[in-house]
C-alpha atoms as a PDB file:
ATOM      1  CA  UNK A   1      41.229 -33.206 110.466  1.00  0.00           C
ATOM      2  CA  UNK A   2      39.901 -33.060 113.993  1.00  0.00           C
ATOM      3  CA  UNK A   3      39.755 -35.244 117.055  1.00  0.00           C
ATOM      4  CA  UNK A   4      36.307 -36.829 117.243  1.00  0.00           C
ATOM      5  CA  UNK A   5      36.709 -39.244 120.138  1.00  0.00           C
ATOM      6  CA  UNK A   6      37.456 -38.641 123.798  1.00  0.00           C
ATOM      7  CA  UNK A   7      37.719 -41.036 126.726  1.00  0.00           C
ATOM      8  CA  UNK A   8      34.342 -42.165 127.975  1.00  0.00           C
ATOM      9  CA  UNK A   9      32.984 -44.876 130.261  1.00  0.00           C
ATOM     10  CA  UNK A  10      29.745 -46.781 130.523  1.00  0.00           C
ATOM     11  CA  UNK A  11      27.895 -46.883 133.813  1.00  0.00           C
ATOM     12  CA  UNK A  12      26.367 -50.289 133.186  1.00  0.00           C
ATOM     13  CA  UNK A  13      27.997 -53.641 133.960  1.00  0.00           C
ATOM     14  CA  UNK A  14      26.401 -56.523 132.052  1.00  0.00           C
ATOM     15  CA  UNK A  15      25.810 -59.699 134.039  1.00  0.00           C
ATOM     16  CA  UNK A  16      27.033 -61.994 131.295  1.00  0.00           C
ATOM     17  CA  UNK A  17      27.753 -61.610 127.600  1.00  0.00           C
ATOM     18  CA  UNK A  18      24.167 -62.242 126.447  1.00  0.00           C
ATOM     19  CA  UNK A  19      23.053 -59.046 128.165  1.00  0.00           C
ATOM     20  CA  UNK A  20      25.507 -57.178 125.946  1.00  0.00           C
ATOM     21  CA  UNK A  21      23.384 -58.076 122.909  1.00  0.00           C
ATOM     22  CA  UNK A  22      21.440 -55.140 121.494  1.00  0.00           C
ATOM     23  CA  UNK A  23      21.712 -51.381 121.982  1.00  0.00           C
ATOM     24  CA  UNK A  24      24.222 -51.329 119.149  1.00  0.00           C
ATOM     25  CA  UNK A  25      25.497 -47.935 117.956  1.00  0.00           C
ATOM     26  CA  UNK A  26      23.706 -45.854 115.367  1.00  0.00           C
ATOM     27  CA  UNK A  27      26.222 -43.857 113.331  1.00  0.00           C
ATOM     28  CA  UNK A  28      25.761 -41.174 110.712  1.00  0.00           C
ATOM     29  CA  UNK A  29      27.218 -41.878 107.276  1.00  0.00           C
ATOM     30  CA  UNK A  30      28.280 -38.869 105.205  1.00  0.00           C
ATOM     31  CA  UNK A  31      30.746 -40.231 102.666  1.00  0.00           C
ATOM     32  CA  UNK A  32      29.534 -43.480 101.129  1.00  0.00           C
ATOM     33  CA  UNK A  33      26.844 -41.918  98.899  1.00  0.00           C
ATOM     34  CA  UNK A  34      27.849 -39.205  96.448  1.00  0.00           C
ATOM     35  CA  UNK A  35      26.253 -35.778  96.940  1.00  0.00           C
ATOM     36  CA  UNK A  36      23.997 -37.095  99.678  1.00  0.00           C
ATOM     37  CA  UNK A  37      21.085 -34.743 100.409  1.00  0.00           C
ATOM     38  CA  UNK A  38      19.386 -36.761 103.135  1.00  0.00           C
ATOM     39  CA  UNK A  39      20.412 -37.941 106.598  1.00  0.00           C
ATOM     40  CA  UNK A  40      21.753 -41.493 106.575  1.00  0.00           C
ATOM     41  CA  UNK A  41      22.176 -43.505 109.779  1.00  0.00           C
ATOM     42  CA  UNK A  42      23.566 -47.030 110.075  1.00  0.00           C
ATOM     43  CA  UNK A  43      22.720 -49.497 112.837  1.00  0.00           C
ATOM     44  CA  UNK A  44      25.964 -51.394 113.468  1.00  0.00           C
ATOM     45  CA  UNK A  45      24.657 -54.860 114.267  1.00  0.00           C
ATOM     46  CA  UNK A  46      28.111 -56.361 113.713  1.00  0.00           C
ATOM     47  CA  UNK A  47      28.995 -54.956 117.147  1.00  0.00           C
ATOM     48  CA  UNK A  48      26.832 -57.501 118.920  1.00  0.00           C
ATOM     49  CA  UNK A  49      29.079 -59.932 120.871  1.00  0.00           C
ATOM     50  CA  UNK A  50      28.685 -62.740 118.327  1.00  0.00           C
ATOM     51  CA  UNK A  51      29.261 -60.371 115.435  1.00  0.00           C
ATOM     52  CA  UNK A  52      25.830 -60.075 113.858  1.00  0.00           C
ATOM     53  CA  UNK A  53      22.169 -59.203 114.190  1.00  0.00           C
ATOM     54  CA  UNK A  54      21.413 -62.929 114.536  1.00  0.00           C
ATOM     55  CA  UNK A  55      22.574 -62.708 118.173  1.00  0.00           C
ATOM     56  CA  UNK A  56      19.215 -61.050 118.853  1.00  0.00           C
ATOM     57  CA  UNK A  57      17.304 -63.809 117.065  1.00  0.00           C
ATOM     58  CA  UNK A  58      19.237 -66.571 118.785  1.00  0.00           C
ATOM     59  CA  UNK A  59      18.572 -65.402 122.346  1.00  0.00           C
ATOM     60  CA  UNK A  60      14.966 -64.465 121.558  1.00  0.00           C
ATOM     61  CA  UNK A  61      14.115 -67.982 120.366  1.00  0.00           C
ATOM     62  CA  UNK A  62      16.329 -69.935 122.749  1.00  0.00           C
ATOM     63  CA  UNK A  63      15.284 -68.101 125.896  1.00  0.00           C
ATOM     64  CA  UNK A  64      11.616 -68.375 124.944  1.00  0.00           C
ATOM     65  CA  UNK A  65      12.211 -72.114 124.776  1.00  0.00           C
ATOM     66  CA  UNK A  66      13.759 -71.998 128.249  1.00  0.00           C
ATOM     67  CA  UNK A  67      10.851 -69.956 129.638  1.00  0.00           C
ATOM     68  CA  UNK A  68       8.249 -72.367 128.269  1.00  0.00           C
ATOM     69  CA  UNK A  69      10.082 -75.511 129.362  1.00  0.00           C
ATOM     70  CA  UNK A  70      10.820 -76.732 125.828  1.00  0.00           C
ATOM     71  CA  UNK A  71      14.515 -76.317 126.607  1.00  0.00           C
ATOM     72  CA  UNK A  72      16.136 -77.661 129.766  1.00  0.00           C
ATOM     73  CA  UNK A  73      19.724 -78.248 130.809  1.00  0.00           C
ATOM     74  CA  UNK A  74      19.845 -81.593 128.950  1.00  0.00           C
ATOM     75  CA  UNK A  75      18.267 -80.384 125.703  1.00  0.00           C
ATOM     76  CA  UNK A  76      20.242 -80.626 122.471  1.00  0.00           C
ATOM     77  CA  UNK A  77      19.740 -77.586 120.216  1.00  0.00           C
ATOM     78  CA  UNK A  78      19.720 -78.375 116.482  1.00  0.00           C
ATOM     79  CA  UNK A  79      19.567 -75.714 113.777  1.00  0.00           C
ATOM     80  CA  UNK A  80      20.305 -75.164 110.090  1.00  0.00           C
ATOM     81  CA  UNK A  81      22.472 -72.143 109.366  1.00  0.00           C
ATOM     82  CA  UNK A  82      24.812 -70.801 106.703  1.00  0.00           C
ATOM     83  CA  UNK A  83      26.647 -68.767 109.312  1.00  0.00           C
ATOM     84  CA  UNK A  84      25.425 -65.984 111.560  1.00  0.00           C
ATOM     85  CA  UNK A  85      22.466 -67.713 113.218  1.00  0.00           C
ATOM     86  CA  UNK A  86      24.696 -70.663 113.917  1.00  0.00           C
ATOM     87  CA  UNK A  87      27.278 -68.423 115.568  1.00  0.00           C
ATOM     88  CA  UNK A  88      24.605 -66.633 117.609  1.00  0.00           C
ATOM     89  CA  UNK A  89      23.174 -69.934 118.832  1.00  0.00           C
ATOM     90  CA  UNK A  90      26.626 -71.380 119.503  1.00  0.00           C
ATOM     91  CA  UNK A  91      27.382 -68.383 121.707  1.00  0.00           C
ATOM     92  CA  UNK A  92      24.054 -68.612 123.567  1.00  0.00           C
ATOM     93  CA  UNK A  93      24.291 -72.394 123.995  1.00  0.00           C
ATOM     94  CA  UNK A  94      27.832 -72.096 125.314  1.00  0.00           C
ATOM     95  CA  UNK A  95      26.641 -69.530 127.865  1.00  0.00           C
ATOM     96  CA  UNK A  96      23.743 -71.727 128.999  1.00  0.00           C
ATOM     97  CA  UNK A  97      25.781 -74.946 128.938  1.00  0.00           C
ATOM     98  CA  UNK A  98      23.714 -76.564 126.185  1.00  0.00           C
ATOM     99  CA  UNK A  99      24.880 -78.920 123.456  1.00  0.00           C
ATOM    100  CA  UNK A 100      24.454 -77.439 119.977  1.00  0.00           C
ATOM    101  CA  UNK A 101      24.468 -79.222 116.618  1.00  0.00           C
ATOM    102  CA  UNK A 102      24.718 -76.863 113.657  1.00  0.00           C
ATOM    103  CA  UNK A 103      23.824 -78.179 110.211  1.00  0.00           C
ATOM    104  CA  UNK A 104      25.837 -76.260 107.614  1.00  0.00           C
ATOM    105  CA  UNK A 105      26.648 -76.898 103.971  1.00  0.00           C
ATOM    106  CA  UNK A 106      29.603 -76.830 101.597  1.00  0.00           C
ATOM    107  CA  UNK A 107      29.119 -73.096 100.928  1.00  0.00           C
ATOM    108  CA  UNK A 108      29.570 -72.119 104.589  1.00  0.00           C
ATOM    109  CA  UNK A 109      32.735 -70.038 104.998  1.00  0.00           C
ATOM    110  CA  UNK A 110      35.775 -71.516 106.712  1.00  0.00           C
ATOM    111  CA  UNK A 111      35.753 -68.597 109.167  1.00  0.00           C
ATOM    112  CA  UNK A 112      32.233 -69.375 110.340  1.00  0.00           C
ATOM    113  CA  UNK A 113      33.029 -73.060 110.710  1.00  0.00           C
ATOM    114  CA  UNK A 114      36.038 -72.251 112.891  1.00  0.00           C
ATOM    115  CA  UNK A 115      33.996 -69.870 115.028  1.00  0.00           C
ATOM    116  CA  UNK A 116      31.294 -72.496 115.563  1.00  0.00           C
ATOM    117  CA  UNK A 117      33.864 -75.042 116.671  1.00  0.00           C
ATOM    118  CA  UNK A 118      35.523 -72.497 118.969  1.00  0.00           C
ATOM    119  CA  UNK A 119      32.210 -72.134 120.834  1.00  0.00           C
ATOM    120  CA  UNK A 120      31.990 -75.920 121.162  1.00  0.00           C
ATOM    121  CA  UNK A 121      29.335 -76.580 118.523  1.00  0.00           C
ATOM    122  CA  UNK A 122      29.116 -79.932 116.762  1.00  0.00           C
ATOM    123  CA  UNK A 123      29.036 -79.422 113.015  1.00  0.00           C
ATOM    124  CA  UNK A 124      27.141 -81.534 110.505  1.00  0.00           C
ATOM    125  CA  UNK A 125      28.051 -80.531 106.946  1.00  0.00           C
ATOM    126  CA  UNK A 126      25.808 -81.213 103.952  1.00  0.00           C
ATOM    127  CA  UNK A 127      28.041 -81.834 100.948  1.00  0.00           C
ATOM    128  CA  UNK A 128      25.359 -82.292  98.294  1.00  0.00           C
ATOM    129  CA  UNK A 129      22.285 -80.149  97.581  1.00  0.00           C
ATOM    130  CA  UNK A 130      18.771 -81.552  97.571  1.00  0.00           C
ATOM    131  CA  UNK A 131      18.455 -83.657  94.384  1.00  0.00           C
ATOM    132  CA  UNK A 132      14.991 -82.349  93.481  1.00  0.00           C
ATOM    133  CA  UNK A 133      15.452 -78.619  94.096  1.00  0.00           C
ATOM    134  CA  UNK A 134      19.220 -78.388  93.696  1.00  0.00           C
ATOM    135  CA  UNK A 135      19.327 -76.287  96.885  1.00  0.00           C
ATOM    136  CA  UNK A 136      21.402 -76.762 100.007  1.00  0.00           C
ATOM    137  CA  UNK A 137      18.775 -75.168 102.252  1.00  0.00           C
ATOM    138  CA  UNK A 138      16.246 -77.949 101.615  1.00  0.00           C
ATOM    139  CA  UNK A 139      18.941 -80.556 102.247  1.00  0.00           C
ATOM    140  CA  UNK A 140      19.968 -78.871 105.498  1.00  0.00           C
ATOM    141  CA  UNK A 141      16.399 -78.733 106.783  1.00  0.00           C
ATOM    142  CA  UNK A 142      15.871 -82.394 105.868  1.00  0.00           C
ATOM    143  CA  UNK A 143      18.934 -83.285 107.954  1.00  0.00           C
ATOM    144  CA  UNK A 144      17.673 -81.193 110.876  1.00  0.00           C
ATOM    145  CA  UNK A 145      14.342 -83.038 110.783  1.00  0.00           C
ATOM    146  CA  UNK A 146      16.157 -86.388 110.735  1.00  0.00           C
ATOM    147  CA  UNK A 147      18.287 -85.394 113.736  1.00  0.00           C
ATOM    148  CA  UNK A 148      15.198 -84.250 115.637  1.00  0.00           C
ATOM    149  CA  UNK A 149      13.744 -87.743 115.188  1.00  0.00           C
ATOM    150  CA  UNK A 150      16.908 -89.488 116.330  1.00  0.00           C
ATOM    151  CA  UNK A 151      18.322 -87.244 119.070  1.00  0.00           C
ATOM    152  CA  UNK A 152      16.415 -87.439 122.346  1.00  0.00           C
ATOM    153  CA  UNK A 153      15.295 -84.210 124.049  1.00  0.00           C
ATOM    154  CA  UNK A 154      16.177 -82.061 121.049  1.00  0.00           C
ATOM    155  CA  UNK A 155      14.873 -78.606 120.129  1.00  0.00           C
ATOM    156  CA  UNK A 156      14.769 -76.879 116.752  1.00  0.00           C
ATOM    157  CA  UNK A 157      14.762 -73.064 117.017  1.00  0.00           C
ATOM    158  CA  UNK A 158      13.594 -72.971 113.368  1.00  0.00           C
ATOM    159  CA  UNK A 159      14.679 -69.450 112.518  1.00  0.00           C
ATOM    160  CA  UNK A 160      12.705 -69.723 109.259  1.00  0.00           C
ATOM    161  CA  UNK A 161       9.273 -69.975 110.906  1.00  0.00           C
ATOM    162  CA  UNK A 162       9.559 -69.117 114.616  1.00  0.00           C
ATOM    163  CA  UNK A 163       7.679 -65.887 115.433  1.00  0.00           C
ATOM    164  CA  UNK A 164      10.258 -65.084 118.093  1.00  0.00           C
ATOM    165  CA  UNK A 165      12.628 -64.323 115.220  1.00  0.00           C
ATOM    166  CA  UNK A 166      10.716 -61.197 114.108  1.00  0.00           C
ATOM    167  CA  UNK A 167       9.711 -60.348 117.666  1.00  0.00           C
ATOM    168  CA  UNK A 168      13.384 -59.899 118.494  1.00  0.00           C
ATOM    169  CA  UNK A 169      13.479 -57.048 116.009  1.00  0.00           C
ATOM    170  CA  UNK A 170      10.665 -55.069 117.530  1.00  0.00           C
ATOM    171  CA  UNK A 171      13.430 -54.065 119.928  1.00  0.00           C
ATOM    172  CA  UNK A 172      15.840 -53.395 117.046  1.00  0.00           C
ATOM    173  CA  UNK A 173      13.382 -50.974 115.478  1.00  0.00           C
ATOM    174  CA  UNK A 174      12.572 -49.430 118.839  1.00  0.00           C
ATOM    175  CA  UNK A 175      16.253 -48.687 119.395  1.00  0.00           C
ATOM    176  CA  UNK A 176      16.576 -47.009 115.993  1.00  0.00           C
ATOM    177  CA  UNK A 177      13.497 -44.819 116.276  1.00  0.00           C
ATOM    178  CA  UNK A 178      14.176 -43.875 119.899  1.00  0.00           C
ATOM    179  CA  UNK A 179      17.739 -42.836 119.109  1.00  0.00           C
ATOM    180  CA  UNK A 180      16.462 -40.653 116.259  1.00  0.00           C
ATOM    181  CA  UNK A 181      13.833 -38.999 118.413  1.00  0.00           C
ATOM    182  CA  UNK A 182      10.929 -40.874 116.863  1.00  0.00           C
ATOM    183  CA  UNK A 183      11.479 -39.683 113.299  1.00  0.00           C
ATOM    184  CA  UNK A 184      12.459 -42.174 110.628  1.00  0.00           C
ATOM    185  CA  UNK A 185      11.280 -41.735 107.051  1.00  0.00           C
ATOM    186  CA  UNK A 186      12.947 -44.770 105.449  1.00  0.00           C
ATOM    187  CA  UNK A 187      14.446 -48.035 106.670  1.00  0.00           C
ATOM    188  CA  UNK A 188      16.532 -50.228 104.345  1.00  0.00           C
ATOM    189  CA  UNK A 189      16.681 -53.855 105.446  1.00  0.00           C
ATOM    190  CA  UNK A 190      18.315 -56.879 103.799  1.00  0.00           C
ATOM    191  CA  UNK A 191      16.235 -60.055 103.567  1.00  0.00           C
ATOM    192  CA  UNK A 192      16.867 -63.748 104.185  1.00  0.00           C
ATOM    193  CA  UNK A 193      14.568 -65.455 106.714  1.00  0.00           C
ATOM    194  CA  UNK A 194      12.509 -62.223 106.717  1.00  0.00           C
ATOM    195  CA  UNK A 195      12.822 -62.078 110.515  1.00  0.00           C
ATOM    196  CA  UNK A 196      14.417 -58.635 110.698  1.00  0.00           C
ATOM    197  CA  UNK A 197      12.227 -57.263 107.911  1.00  0.00           C
ATOM    198  CA  UNK A 198       9.006 -58.568 109.449  1.00  0.00           C
ATOM    199  CA  UNK A 199       9.919 -57.494 112.987  1.00  0.00           C
ATOM    200  CA  UNK A 200      10.726 -53.940 111.917  1.00  0.00           C
ATOM    201  CA  UNK A 201       7.603 -53.754 109.734  1.00  0.00           C
ATOM    202  CA  UNK A 202       5.412 -55.015 112.588  1.00  0.00           C
ATOM    203  CA  UNK A 203       6.840 -52.376 114.921  1.00  0.00           C
ATOM    204  CA  UNK A 204       6.136 -49.646 112.364  1.00  0.00           C
ATOM    205  CA  UNK A 205       2.520 -50.768 111.944  1.00  0.00           C
ATOM    206  CA  UNK A 206       1.870 -51.284 115.647  1.00  0.00           C
ATOM    207  CA  UNK A 207       3.167 -47.809 116.472  1.00  0.00           C
ATOM    208  CA  UNK A 208       1.572 -46.156 113.412  1.00  0.00           C
ATOM    209  CA  UNK A 209       4.891 -44.752 112.215  1.00  0.00           C
ATOM    210  CA  UNK A 210       5.208 -43.133 108.772  1.00  0.00           C
ATOM    211  CA  UNK A 211       8.399 -45.076 108.046  1.00  0.00           C
ATOM    212  CA  UNK A 212       8.673 -46.642 104.584  1.00  0.00           C
ATOM    213  CA  UNK A 213      10.297 -50.071 104.700  1.00  0.00           C
ATOM    214  CA  UNK A 214      12.622 -50.834 101.777  1.00  0.00           C
ATOM    215  CA  UNK A 215      13.439 -54.528 101.441  1.00  0.00           C
ATOM    216  CA  UNK A 216      16.789 -55.337  99.850  1.00  0.00           C
ATOM    217  CA  UNK A 217      16.728 -58.753  98.211  1.00  0.00           C
ATOM    218  CA  UNK A 218      19.260 -60.613  96.101  1.00  0.00           C
ATOM    219  CA  UNK A 219      19.014 -61.192  92.374  1.00  0.00           C
ATOM    220  CA  UNK A 220      18.428 -64.940  92.233  1.00  0.00           C
ATOM    221  CA  UNK A 221      16.326 -64.971  95.408  1.00  0.00           C
ATOM    222  CA  UNK A 222      12.688 -66.068  95.256  1.00  0.00           C
ATOM    223  CA  UNK A 223      11.445 -64.199  98.342  1.00  0.00           C
ATOM    224  CA  UNK A 224       9.654 -61.455  96.424  1.00  0.00           C
ATOM    225  CA  UNK A 225       8.820 -63.546  93.386  1.00  0.00           C
ATOM    226  CA  UNK A 226      12.175 -63.382  91.647  1.00  0.00           C
ATOM    227  CA  UNK A 227      13.599 -66.068  89.383  1.00  0.00           C
ATOM    228  CA  UNK A 228      15.757 -68.543  91.274  1.00  0.00           C
ATOM    229  CA  UNK A 229      19.424 -68.388  90.270  1.00  0.00           C
ATOM    230  CA  UNK A 230      22.838 -69.171  91.701  1.00  0.00           C
ATOM    231  CA  UNK A 231      24.083 -66.717  94.338  1.00  0.00           C
ATOM    232  CA  UNK A 232      27.592 -66.361  95.737  1.00  0.00           C
ATOM    233  CA  UNK A 233      27.022 -64.257  98.860  1.00  0.00           C
ATOM    234  CA  UNK A 234      25.678 -66.329 101.793  1.00  0.00           C
ATOM    235  CA  UNK A 235      23.045 -65.024 104.200  1.00  0.00           C
ATOM    236  CA  UNK A 236      21.295 -62.742 101.705  1.00  0.00           C
ATOM    237  CA  UNK A 237      18.186 -63.785  99.820  1.00  0.00           C
ATOM    238  CA  UNK A 238      16.679 -67.277  99.821  1.00  0.00           C
ATOM    239  CA  UNK A 239      16.038 -70.119  97.416  1.00  0.00           C
ATOM    240  CA  UNK A 240      12.804 -71.024  99.218  1.00  0.00           C
ATOM    241  CA  UNK A 241      10.132 -68.539 100.310  1.00  0.00           C
ATOM    242  CA  UNK A 242      10.484 -68.313 104.105  1.00  0.00           C
ATOM    243  CA  UNK A 243       7.399 -69.129 106.220  1.00  0.00           C
ATOM    244  CA  UNK A 244       7.870 -65.760 107.964  1.00  0.00           C
ATOM    245  CA  UNK A 245       7.369 -63.899 104.679  1.00  0.00           C
ATOM    246  CA  UNK A 246       4.278 -61.738 104.239  1.00  0.00           C
ATOM    247  CA  UNK A 247       3.549 -59.899 101.008  1.00  0.00           C
ATOM    248  CA  UNK A 248       2.860 -56.552 102.695  1.00  0.00           C
ATOM    249  CA  UNK A 249       6.089 -56.294 104.693  1.00  0.00           C
ATOM    250  CA  UNK A 250       7.803 -53.757 102.432  1.00  0.00           C
ATOM    251  CA  UNK A 251       6.715 -50.588 100.670  1.00  0.00           C
ATOM    252  CA  UNK A 252       9.328 -51.220  97.989  1.00  0.00           C
ATOM    253  CA  UNK A 253      11.784 -53.952  97.036  1.00  0.00           C
ATOM    254  CA  UNK A 254      15.259 -53.383  95.582  1.00  0.00           C
ATOM    255  CA  UNK A 255      17.123 -56.306  94.035  1.00  0.00           C
ATOM    256  CA  UNK A 256      20.931 -56.246  93.992  1.00  0.00           C
ATOM    257  CA  UNK A 257      23.513 -58.558  92.456  1.00  0.00           C
ATOM    258  CA  UNK A 258      26.453 -60.299  94.106  1.00  0.00           C
ATOM    259  CA  UNK A 259      28.746 -57.714  92.521  1.00  0.00           C
ATOM    260  CA  UNK A 260      26.594 -54.943  94.015  1.00  0.00           C
ATOM    261  CA  UNK A 261      27.212 -56.494  97.445  1.00  0.00           C
ATOM    262  CA  UNK A 262      30.960 -56.517  96.876  1.00  0.00           C
ATOM    263  CA  UNK A 263      31.027 -52.932  95.630  1.00  0.00           C
ATOM    264  CA  UNK A 264      28.881 -51.729  98.537  1.00  0.00           C
ATOM    265  CA  UNK A 265      31.142 -53.469 101.066  1.00  0.00           C
ATOM    266  CA  UNK A 266      34.322 -52.116  99.524  1.00  0.00           C
ATOM    267  CA  UNK A 267      32.939 -48.563  99.365  1.00  0.00           C
ATOM    268  CA  UNK A 268      31.757 -48.788 102.959  1.00  0.00           C
ATOM    269  CA  UNK A 269      35.232 -49.870 104.071  1.00  0.00           C
ATOM    270  CA  UNK A 270      37.040 -47.226 102.000  1.00  0.00           C
ATOM    271  CA  UNK A 271      34.698 -44.318 102.705  1.00  0.00           C
ATOM    272  CA  UNK A 272      33.352 -44.923 106.210  1.00  0.00           C
ATOM    273  CA  UNK A 273      36.017 -47.261 107.680  1.00  0.00           C
ATOM    274  CA  UNK A 274      33.329 -49.881 108.387  1.00  0.00           C
ATOM    275  CA  UNK A 275      34.260 -53.471 107.551  1.00  0.00           C
ATOM    276  CA  UNK A 276      30.923 -55.178 107.036  1.00  0.00           C
ATOM    277  CA  UNK A 277      29.488 -58.352 105.525  1.00  0.00           C
ATOM    278  CA  UNK A 278      27.802 -59.017 102.206  1.00  0.00           C
ATOM    279  CA  UNK A 279      24.239 -58.051 103.080  1.00  0.00           C
ATOM    280  CA  UNK A 280      25.527 -54.722 104.400  1.00  0.00           C
ATOM    281  CA  UNK A 281      27.047 -54.066 100.986  1.00  0.00           C
ATOM    282  CA  UNK A 282      23.688 -54.906  99.450  1.00  0.00           C
ATOM    283  CA  UNK A 283      21.981 -52.292 101.605  1.00  0.00           C
ATOM    284  CA  UNK A 284      24.580 -49.636 100.773  1.00  0.00           C
ATOM    285  CA  UNK A 285      24.109 -50.250  97.055  1.00  0.00           C
ATOM    286  CA  UNK A 286      20.318 -50.146  97.417  1.00  0.00           C
ATOM    287  CA  UNK A 287      20.499 -46.751  99.129  1.00  0.00           C
ATOM    288  CA  UNK A 288      22.764 -45.489  96.340  1.00  0.00           C
ATOM    289  CA  UNK A 289      20.325 -46.774  93.698  1.00  0.00           C
ATOM    290  CA  UNK A 290      17.408 -45.002  95.379  1.00  0.00           C
ATOM    291  CA  UNK A 291      19.214 -41.824  96.449  1.00  0.00           C
ATOM    292  CA  UNK A 292      17.476 -39.686  93.806  1.00  0.00           C
ATOM    293  CA  UNK A 293      14.066 -40.794  95.126  1.00  0.00           C
ATOM    294  CA  UNK A 294      14.743 -39.898  98.767  1.00  0.00           C
ATOM    295  CA  UNK A 295      13.714 -36.317  99.612  1.00  0.00           C
ATOM    296  CA  UNK A 296      16.181 -33.750 100.874  1.00  0.00           C
ATOM    297  CA  UNK A 297      16.670 -33.822 104.656  1.00  0.00           C
ATOM    298  CA  UNK A 298      14.775 -37.120 104.997  1.00  0.00           C
ATOM    299  CA  UNK A 299      15.764 -39.376 107.893  1.00  0.00           C
ATOM    300  CA  UNK A 300      16.988 -42.651 106.453  1.00  0.00           C
ATOM    301  CA  UNK A 301      18.097 -45.674 108.473  1.00  0.00           C
ATOM    302  CA  UNK A 302      19.922 -48.785 107.340  1.00  0.00           C
ATOM    303  CA  UNK A 303      20.751 -51.993 109.190  1.00  0.00           C
ATOM    304  CA  UNK A 304      24.259 -53.420 108.712  1.00  0.00           C
ATOM    305  CA  UNK A 305      23.781 -57.045 109.815  1.00  0.00           C
ATOM    306  CA  UNK A 306      27.268 -58.473 110.272  1.00  0.00           C
ATOM    307  CA  UNK A 307      31.001 -57.868 110.288  1.00  0.00           C
ATOM    308  CA  UNK A 308      33.384 -58.219 107.387  1.00  0.00           C
ATOM    309  CA  UNK A 309      36.144 -60.345 108.899  1.00  0.00           C
ATOM    310  CA  UNK A 310      34.149 -63.434 107.953  1.00  0.00           C
ATOM    311  CA  UNK A 311      34.382 -62.415 104.285  1.00  0.00           C
ATOM    312  CA  UNK A 312      38.132 -61.773 104.039  1.00  0.00           C
ATOM    313  CA  UNK A 313      38.562 -64.782 101.739  1.00  0.00           C
ATOM    314  CA  UNK A 314      35.717 -63.700  99.460  1.00  0.00           C
ATOM    315  CA  UNK A 315      34.364 -60.151  99.311  1.00  0.00           C
ATOM    316  CA  UNK A 316      37.614 -58.582 100.552  1.00  0.00           C
ATOM    317  CA  UNK A 317      39.910 -60.880  98.568  1.00  0.00           C
ATOM    318  CA  UNK A 318      41.072 -59.240  95.330  1.00  0.00           C
ATOM    319  CA  UNK A 319      41.833 -62.668  93.882  1.00  0.00           C
ATOM    320  CA  UNK A 320      38.350 -64.026  94.637  1.00  0.00           C
ATOM    321  CA  UNK A 321      36.685 -60.912  93.247  1.00  0.00           C
ATOM    322  CA  UNK A 322      38.693 -61.051  90.013  1.00  0.00           C
ATOM    323  CA  UNK A 323      37.942 -64.761  89.577  1.00  0.00           C
ATOM    324  CA  UNK A 324      34.188 -64.185  89.829  1.00  0.00           C
ATOM    325  CA  UNK A 325      33.673 -60.683  88.409  1.00  0.00           C
ATOM    326  CA  UNK A 326      36.812 -59.675  86.541  1.00  0.00           C
ATOM    327  CA  UNK A 327      38.595 -56.335  86.917  1.00  0.00           C
ATOM    328  CA  UNK A 328      35.995 -54.323  88.840  1.00  0.00           C
ATOM    329  CA  UNK A 329      38.117 -52.507  91.431  1.00  0.00           C
ATOM    330  CA  UNK A 330      37.424 -49.157  89.755  1.00  0.00           C
ATOM    331  CA  UNK A 331      33.928 -49.334  91.253  1.00  0.00           C
ATOM    332  CA  UNK A 332      35.321 -48.484  94.688  1.00  0.00           C
ATOM    333  CA  UNK A 333      38.787 -47.086  94.001  1.00  0.00           C
ATOM    334  CA  UNK A 334      37.280 -44.042  92.287  1.00  0.00           C
ATOM    335  CA  UNK A 335      35.574 -43.166  95.565  1.00  0.00           C
ATOM    336  CA  UNK A 336      38.781 -42.900  97.567  1.00  0.00           C
ATOM    337  CA  UNK A 337      39.814 -39.389  96.568  1.00  0.00           C
ATOM    338  CA  UNK A 338      36.312 -38.038  97.145  1.00  0.00           C
ATOM    339  CA  UNK A 339      36.134 -39.681 100.561  1.00  0.00           C
ATOM    340  CA  UNK A 340      39.487 -38.244 101.555  1.00  0.00           C
ATOM    341  CA  UNK A 341      38.368 -34.787 100.429  1.00  0.00           C
ATOM    342  CA  UNK A 342      35.186 -35.003 102.495  1.00  0.00           C
ATOM    343  CA  UNK A 343      37.097 -36.286 105.525  1.00  0.00           C
ATOM    344  CA  UNK A 344      39.579 -33.427 105.406  1.00  0.00           C
END
């Protein structure tokens, strides 16, 4: 073992918490994939102040609304969110002194609900899915549209269709490629609204980079034409094709199951000491599935969207995992000895 950290200071004072969003660390991962032959770097988006990559989206859309006059000091912000976007907007609205109504549903985690309330958000919870589609997302959006009609001076960021969602991630991709000296052969990106995926893909095309974009979608998600099915992990995949989706965003698509997300998260925590959320586990599993196809010494980047504390009652709960998947702990416990050997 060796000491890898020394005291250091930053020479930049941020004038408010929103200016601390972005410029998240990029760390090299050496343990989570067996016999790794390529260079793997993770963008730790959970280290944004609000705990996820959606902090970037929230300030991009909200502050564009402020710049254009659509949002003023008396505007009520109304958005549908299963978690991270709601938290990002709650943080930004609290900073700007704006009222925020977040429309969630019965599948939203208790942790996220408590965080939203801590920031002062008003919560509207949808208890029943849309009767025609059977989906909560449609029911949430219907409630948002009703509130927009009834609440004066209201503004819908509409993370599902607002182009300032993907534009926020031009910067995300710029940070990754700049840190790596301009060379990035692969980028693995989880999908939901397609904001991060589209923003990174647009940056690659605009700058004529050779980077191959690998989209990581959920089994049961319809984004890339899959068959709709029940999913347990929130914030990954979608039951409705997002308006931001474009068919040419990714060079390849990898579909992963809910169990894959759990296994990826648990391995990431055990091997790299990174406690991350469900979509991060999806990305880790996707990299593992494709590891034989990635050339030796290639530069591979992954985006880890959010932190794991919000999943302590699900992904990191042995009881919850056993109830939904059975005795599957061997999938990550077998990695421990190998990780310890590499670390020493």
